[in-house]
């Protein structure tokens, strides 16, 4: 059974930092392209960042470049999202996703990923 379990969300003040984790089981983690998406209230789910199976190549949404960093530890079957300089527009439920053989131009598409976690809430508020 494939499981993706996110953790690390919470309430943080503007300008603060959080690190999200996504523990993956039931698949060969090191073979998968991994990504983070988010969905704010009343909005569609949007791409945040992606990492190829080696972790050597990463892709970011323009809105999060230089503030958010995706990384992975294939030995621990875990994906991370380090978030800094958070602002209220980062408030959303954050989801991790896993997909096989995702080509570069498809990284930002949610339908490129077969497996999803349940999400973790990030709220940025003073």
N, C-alpha and C. Protein backbone atom coordinates (compact mmCIF):
# COMPACT_ATOMS: atom_id res chain seq x y z
N UNK A 1 0.85 -1.19 0.00
CA UNK A 1 0.00 0.00 0.00
C UNK A 1 0.88 1.24 0.00
N UNK A 2 0.62 2.12 -0.94
CA UNK A 2 1.40 3.34 -1.04
C UNK A 2 0.89 4.37 -0.03
N UNK A 3 1.81 4.94 0.70
CA UNK A 3 1.44 5.98 1.66
C UNK A 3 2.40 7.15 1.57
N UNK A 4 1.84 8.34 1.52
CA UNK A 4 2.59 9.58 1.62
C UNK A 4 2.01 10.34 2.79
N UNK A 5 2.82 10.62 3.78
CA UNK A 5 2.34 11.25 5.00
C UNK A 5 3.12 12.54 5.24
N UNK A 6 2.42 13.65 5.12
CA UNK A 6 3.04 14.96 5.35
C UNK A 6 3.00 15.32 6.83
N UNK A 7 3.96 16.11 7.24
CA UNK A 7 3.99 16.63 8.61
C UNK A 7 4.78 17.94 8.61
N UNK A 8 4.67 18.65 9.73
CA UNK A 8 5.46 19.87 9.89
C UNK A 8 4.69 21.16 9.69
N UNK A 9 3.44 21.07 9.29
CA UNK A 9 2.66 22.28 9.12
C UNK A 9 2.31 22.91 10.45
N UNK A 10 1.74 24.11 10.38
CA UNK A 10 1.34 24.79 11.60
C UNK A 10 1.12 26.26 11.36
N UNK A 11 1.03 26.98 12.46
CA UNK A 11 0.83 28.44 12.44
C UNK A 11 2.17 29.14 12.59
N UNK A 12 2.45 30.08 11.72
CA UNK A 12 3.72 30.81 11.78
C UNK A 12 3.46 32.27 11.45
N UNK A 13 4.24 33.14 12.03
CA UNK A 13 4.09 34.57 11.76
C UNK A 13 4.73 34.94 10.41
N UNK A 14 4.25 36.00 9.79
CA UNK A 14 4.89 36.47 8.56
C UNK A 14 6.39 36.67 8.76
N UNK A 15 7.16 36.23 7.79
CA UNK A 15 8.61 36.29 7.89
C UNK A 15 9.22 35.06 8.52
N UNK A 16 8.40 34.19 9.05
CA UNK A 16 8.89 32.99 9.72
C UNK A 16 9.23 31.86 8.78
N UNK A 17 9.60 30.73 9.39
CA UNK A 17 10.04 29.56 8.61
C UNK A 17 9.36 28.30 9.12
N UNK A 18 9.25 27.34 8.23
CA UNK A 18 8.75 26.01 8.57
C UNK A 18 9.46 25.01 7.67
N UNK A 19 9.55 23.77 8.14
CA UNK A 19 10.03 22.70 7.28
C UNK A 19 8.99 21.59 7.26
N UNK A 20 8.50 21.31 6.08
CA UNK A 20 7.56 20.22 5.88
C UNK A 20 8.31 18.95 5.51
N UNK A 21 7.75 17.83 5.95
CA UNK A 21 8.31 16.52 5.59
C UNK A 21 7.21 15.67 4.98
N UNK A 22 7.62 14.75 4.14
CA UNK A 22 6.69 13.79 3.54
C UNK A 22 7.36 12.42 3.57
N UNK A 23 6.85 11.56 4.42
CA UNK A 23 7.38 10.21 4.54
C UNK A 23 6.64 9.30 3.57
N UNK A 24 7.41 8.58 2.77
CA UNK A 24 6.83 7.76 1.70
C UNK A 24 7.10 6.29 1.97
N UNK A 25 6.08 5.46 1.77
CA UNK A 25 6.25 4.02 1.90
C UNK A 25 5.41 3.31 0.84
N UNK A 26 5.78 2.08 0.55
CA UNK A 26 5.01 1.28 -0.40
C UNK A 26 5.46 1.41 -1.84
N UNK A 27 6.44 2.26 -2.11
CA UNK A 27 6.99 2.41 -3.45
C UNK A 27 8.51 2.54 -3.33
N UNK A 28 9.18 2.36 -4.44
CA UNK A 28 10.63 2.59 -4.47
C UNK A 28 10.85 4.08 -4.60
N UNK A 29 10.99 4.72 -3.46
CA UNK A 29 11.02 6.19 -3.39
C UNK A 29 12.05 6.78 -4.34
N UNK A 30 13.21 6.16 -4.41
CA UNK A 30 14.30 6.73 -5.20
C UNK A 30 14.02 6.73 -6.70
N UNK A 31 12.98 6.04 -7.12
CA UNK A 31 12.63 5.99 -8.54
C UNK A 31 11.64 7.08 -8.94
N UNK A 32 11.08 7.76 -7.96
CA UNK A 32 9.98 8.67 -8.21
C UNK A 32 10.40 10.13 -8.27
N UNK A 33 9.79 10.84 -9.20
CA UNK A 33 9.81 12.29 -9.14
C UNK A 33 8.85 12.71 -8.04
N UNK A 34 9.30 13.63 -7.20
CA UNK A 34 8.48 14.07 -6.07
C UNK A 34 8.19 15.56 -6.19
N UNK A 35 7.04 15.94 -5.69
CA UNK A 35 6.65 17.34 -5.81
C UNK A 35 5.82 17.78 -4.62
N UNK A 36 5.77 19.08 -4.44
CA UNK A 36 4.87 19.72 -3.48
C UNK A 36 3.88 20.57 -4.27
N UNK A 37 2.63 20.46 -3.89
CA UNK A 37 1.57 21.33 -4.37
C UNK A 37 0.90 21.96 -3.16
N UNK A 38 0.11 22.98 -3.41
CA UNK A 38 -0.64 23.59 -2.31
C UNK A 38 -1.99 24.07 -2.82
N UNK A 39 -2.91 24.17 -1.89
CA UNK A 39 -4.25 24.65 -2.23
C UNK A 39 -4.74 25.58 -1.13
N UNK A 40 -4.96 26.81 -1.51
CA UNK A 40 -5.49 27.81 -0.59
C UNK A 40 -7.01 27.78 -0.64
N UNK A 41 -7.66 28.27 0.40
CA UNK A 41 -9.14 28.26 0.42
C UNK A 41 -9.71 28.99 -0.78
N UNK A 42 -10.64 28.34 -1.48
CA UNK A 42 -11.29 28.95 -2.62
C UNK A 42 -10.46 29.00 -3.88
N UNK A 43 -9.28 28.38 -3.85
CA UNK A 43 -8.42 28.40 -5.03
C UNK A 43 -8.11 26.98 -5.50
N UNK A 44 -7.64 26.90 -6.73
CA UNK A 44 -7.26 25.60 -7.26
C UNK A 44 -5.90 25.17 -6.70
N UNK A 45 -5.67 23.88 -6.74
CA UNK A 45 -4.37 23.37 -6.31
C UNK A 45 -3.30 23.87 -7.28
N UNK A 46 -2.18 24.31 -6.72
CA UNK A 46 -1.12 24.85 -7.56
C UNK A 46 0.22 24.20 -7.26
N UNK A 47 1.04 24.14 -8.28
CA UNK A 47 2.38 23.58 -8.16
C UNK A 47 3.27 24.49 -7.32
N UNK A 48 4.10 23.86 -6.50
CA UNK A 48 5.05 24.61 -5.68
C UNK A 48 6.48 24.29 -6.10
N UNK A 49 6.84 23.01 -6.05
CA UNK A 49 8.21 22.62 -6.36
C UNK A 49 8.25 21.14 -6.69
N UNK A 50 9.29 20.75 -7.44
CA UNK A 50 9.47 19.34 -7.78
C UNK A 50 10.93 18.98 -7.77
N UNK A 51 11.19 17.70 -7.52
CA UNK A 51 12.55 17.18 -7.50
C UNK A 51 12.58 15.89 -8.31
N UNK A 52 13.55 15.79 -9.22
CA UNK A 52 13.69 14.53 -9.95
C UNK A 52 14.18 13.44 -9.00
N UNK A 53 14.20 12.22 -9.50
CA UNK A 53 14.47 11.08 -8.61
C UNK A 53 15.84 11.14 -7.97
N UNK A 54 16.80 11.77 -8.62
CA UNK A 54 18.13 11.87 -8.02
C UNK A 54 18.23 13.05 -7.06
N UNK A 55 17.34 14.00 -7.22
CA UNK A 55 17.44 15.23 -6.43
C UNK A 55 18.37 16.25 -7.04
N UNK A 56 18.99 15.90 -8.16
CA UNK A 56 19.94 16.82 -8.78
C UNK A 56 19.25 17.97 -9.50
N UNK A 57 18.02 17.76 -9.91
CA UNK A 57 17.29 18.78 -10.65
C UNK A 57 16.02 19.15 -9.92
N UNK A 58 15.82 20.42 -9.72
CA UNK A 58 14.62 20.91 -9.03
C UNK A 58 13.95 22.00 -9.86
N UNK A 59 12.66 22.13 -9.68
CA UNK A 59 11.87 23.13 -10.38
C UNK A 59 10.96 23.81 -9.37
N UNK A 60 10.80 25.13 -9.51
CA UNK A 60 10.00 25.89 -8.56
C UNK A 60 9.00 26.78 -9.29
N UNK A 61 7.88 27.00 -8.63
CA UNK A 61 6.97 28.04 -9.08
C UNK A 61 7.63 29.39 -8.86
N UNK A 62 7.35 30.33 -9.74
CA UNK A 62 7.98 31.65 -9.62
C UNK A 62 7.68 32.32 -8.28
N UNK A 63 6.51 32.05 -7.75
CA UNK A 63 6.08 32.72 -6.52
C UNK A 63 6.86 32.28 -5.29
N UNK A 64 7.57 31.16 -5.39
CA UNK A 64 8.26 30.65 -4.20
C UNK A 64 9.78 30.58 -4.38
N UNK A 65 10.26 30.87 -5.59
CA UNK A 65 11.70 30.81 -5.83
C UNK A 65 12.44 31.66 -4.82
N UNK A 66 13.55 31.17 -4.35
CA UNK A 66 14.47 31.80 -3.40
C UNK A 66 13.95 31.78 -1.96
N UNK A 67 12.69 31.38 -1.77
CA UNK A 67 12.15 31.31 -0.40
C UNK A 67 11.91 29.87 0.05
N UNK A 68 11.55 29.01 -0.89
CA UNK A 68 11.26 27.63 -0.56
C UNK A 68 12.29 26.72 -1.24
N UNK A 69 12.68 25.68 -0.54
CA UNK A 69 13.67 24.74 -1.07
C UNK A 69 13.17 23.32 -0.90
N UNK A 70 13.11 22.60 -2.01
CA UNK A 70 12.72 21.19 -1.98
C UNK A 70 13.99 20.34 -1.91
N UNK A 71 13.91 19.29 -1.13
CA UNK A 71 15.03 18.36 -1.05
C UNK A 71 14.49 16.98 -0.71
N UNK A 72 15.33 15.98 -0.88
CA UNK A 72 14.90 14.62 -0.60
C UNK A 72 16.06 13.83 -0.03
N UNK A 73 15.70 12.84 0.79
CA UNK A 73 16.68 11.92 1.35
C UNK A 73 16.22 10.53 0.93
N UNK A 74 16.83 10.01 -0.11
CA UNK A 74 16.40 8.71 -0.64
C UNK A 74 16.68 7.57 0.34
N UNK A 75 17.63 7.76 1.22
CA UNK A 75 17.92 6.73 2.22
C UNK A 75 16.82 6.66 3.27
N UNK A 76 16.14 7.78 3.48
CA UNK A 76 15.08 7.84 4.49
C UNK A 76 13.69 7.84 3.87
N UNK A 77 13.62 7.76 2.54
CA UNK A 77 12.32 7.79 1.84
C UNK A 77 11.50 9.01 2.24
N UNK A 78 12.16 10.14 2.30
CA UNK A 78 11.50 11.35 2.79
C UNK A 78 11.78 12.54 1.89
N UNK A 79 10.74 13.31 1.67
CA UNK A 79 10.80 14.55 0.91
C UNK A 79 10.63 15.71 1.87
N UNK A 80 11.32 16.81 1.60
CA UNK A 80 11.25 17.98 2.48
C UNK A 80 10.90 19.23 1.68
N UNK A 81 10.35 20.19 2.40
CA UNK A 81 10.16 21.52 1.84
C UNK A 81 10.53 22.52 2.93
N UNK A 82 11.67 23.15 2.76
CA UNK A 82 12.10 24.19 3.69
C UNK A 82 11.51 25.51 3.22
N UNK A 83 10.75 26.14 4.10
CA UNK A 83 10.06 27.38 3.74
C UNK A 83 10.57 28.52 4.61
N UNK A 84 11.00 29.60 4.00
CA UNK A 84 11.48 30.77 4.71
C UNK A 84 10.77 32.01 4.19
N UNK A 85 10.90 33.10 4.93
CA UNK A 85 10.27 34.38 4.55
C UNK A 85 8.82 34.19 4.16
N UNK A 86 8.11 33.45 4.98
CA UNK A 86 6.72 33.15 4.67
C UNK A 86 5.85 34.40 4.76
N UNK A 87 4.85 34.45 3.89
CA UNK A 87 3.88 35.54 3.92
C UNK A 87 2.48 34.96 3.89
N UNK A 88 1.50 35.82 4.07
CA UNK A 88 0.12 35.34 4.20
C UNK A 88 -0.36 34.61 2.96
N UNK A 89 0.22 34.93 1.82
CA UNK A 89 -0.18 34.27 0.58
C UNK A 89 0.30 32.81 0.51
N UNK A 90 1.17 32.42 1.43
CA UNK A 90 1.63 31.03 1.49
C UNK A 90 0.67 30.15 2.29
N UNK A 91 -0.33 30.75 2.91
CA UNK A 91 -1.31 29.98 3.66
C UNK A 91 -2.07 29.04 2.74
N UNK A 92 -2.01 27.75 3.06
CA UNK A 92 -2.63 26.73 2.21
C UNK A 92 -2.45 25.36 2.85
N UNK A 93 -3.13 24.39 2.29
CA UNK A 93 -2.83 23.00 2.60
C UNK A 93 -1.77 22.55 1.60
N UNK A 94 -0.70 21.99 2.12
CA UNK A 94 0.42 21.55 1.30
C UNK A 94 0.38 20.03 1.14
N UNK A 95 0.50 19.60 -0.11
CA UNK A 95 0.44 18.18 -0.43
C UNK A 95 1.75 17.73 -1.08
N UNK A 96 2.20 16.55 -0.71
CA UNK A 96 3.29 15.97 -1.48
C UNK A 96 2.71 14.95 -2.46
N UNK A 97 3.43 14.76 -3.55
CA UNK A 97 2.95 13.91 -4.63
C UNK A 97 4.12 13.15 -5.24
N UNK A 98 3.84 11.94 -5.74
CA UNK A 98 4.86 11.09 -6.34
C UNK A 98 4.41 10.65 -7.72
N UNK A 99 5.35 10.72 -8.67
CA UNK A 99 5.05 10.29 -10.02
C UNK A 99 6.25 9.63 -10.67
N UNK A 100 5.97 8.73 -11.60
CA UNK A 100 7.04 8.05 -12.32
C UNK A 100 7.19 8.66 -13.71
N UNK A 101 8.43 8.74 -14.15
CA UNK A 101 8.74 9.15 -15.52
C UNK A 101 8.05 10.46 -15.90
N UNK A 102 8.14 11.43 -15.02
CA UNK A 102 7.53 12.73 -15.28
C UNK A 102 8.51 13.58 -16.07
N UNK A 103 8.13 13.95 -17.28
CA UNK A 103 9.03 14.75 -18.10
C UNK A 103 9.02 16.20 -17.61
N UNK A 104 10.04 16.93 -18.00
CA UNK A 104 10.26 18.26 -17.42
C UNK A 104 9.06 19.17 -17.60
N UNK A 105 8.50 19.20 -18.79
CA UNK A 105 7.40 20.14 -19.04
C UNK A 105 6.11 19.73 -18.32
N UNK A 106 6.08 18.51 -17.78
CA UNK A 106 4.89 18.04 -17.08
C UNK A 106 5.02 18.14 -15.57
N UNK A 107 6.16 18.63 -15.08
CA UNK A 107 6.39 18.66 -13.63
C UNK A 107 5.35 19.48 -12.89
N UNK A 108 4.84 20.52 -13.53
CA UNK A 108 3.93 21.42 -12.83
C UNK A 108 2.48 20.96 -12.87
N UNK A 109 2.21 19.87 -13.57
CA UNK A 109 0.84 19.40 -13.73
C UNK A 109 0.49 18.38 -12.66
N UNK A 110 -0.60 18.59 -11.97
CA UNK A 110 -0.98 17.66 -10.91
C UNK A 110 -1.31 16.27 -11.45
N UNK A 111 -1.80 16.18 -12.67
CA UNK A 111 -2.14 14.86 -13.21
C UNK A 111 -0.92 14.06 -13.64
N UNK A 112 0.27 14.61 -13.46
CA UNK A 112 1.50 13.86 -13.70
C UNK A 112 1.86 12.96 -12.53
N UNK A 113 1.18 13.13 -11.42
CA UNK A 113 1.53 12.43 -10.17
C UNK A 113 0.42 11.48 -9.78
N UNK A 114 0.82 10.24 -9.53
CA UNK A 114 -0.17 9.20 -9.24
C UNK A 114 -0.54 9.12 -7.77
N UNK A 115 0.43 9.37 -6.91
CA UNK A 115 0.23 9.17 -5.49
C UNK A 115 0.28 10.50 -4.76
N UNK A 116 -0.63 10.66 -3.80
CA UNK A 116 -0.75 11.92 -3.06
C UNK A 116 -0.88 11.67 -1.57
N UNK A 117 -0.37 12.61 -0.80
CA UNK A 117 -0.60 12.59 0.63
C UNK A 117 -1.90 13.27 1.00
N UNK A 118 -2.19 13.30 2.28
CA UNK A 118 -3.45 13.87 2.76
C UNK A 118 -3.36 15.37 2.99
N UNK A 119 -2.15 15.89 3.00
CA UNK A 119 -1.96 17.32 3.15
C UNK A 119 -1.67 17.75 4.58
N UNK A 120 -0.97 18.86 4.70
CA UNK A 120 -0.71 19.47 6.01
C UNK A 120 -0.96 20.96 5.90
N UNK A 121 -1.64 21.51 6.90
CA UNK A 121 -2.04 22.92 6.86
C UNK A 121 -0.89 23.82 7.28
N UNK A 122 -0.65 24.84 6.47
CA UNK A 122 0.29 25.90 6.82
C UNK A 122 -0.50 27.21 6.87
N UNK A 123 -0.45 27.86 8.01
CA UNK A 123 -1.15 29.14 8.17
C UNK A 123 -0.14 30.21 8.56
N UNK A 124 -0.08 31.25 7.75
CA UNK A 124 0.82 32.37 8.03
C UNK A 124 -0.03 33.55 8.46
N UNK A 125 0.12 33.92 9.72
CA UNK A 125 -0.72 34.97 10.27
C UNK A 125 -0.05 35.59 11.48
N UNK A 126 -0.29 36.88 11.67
CA UNK A 126 0.22 37.56 12.86
C UNK A 126 -0.82 37.53 13.97
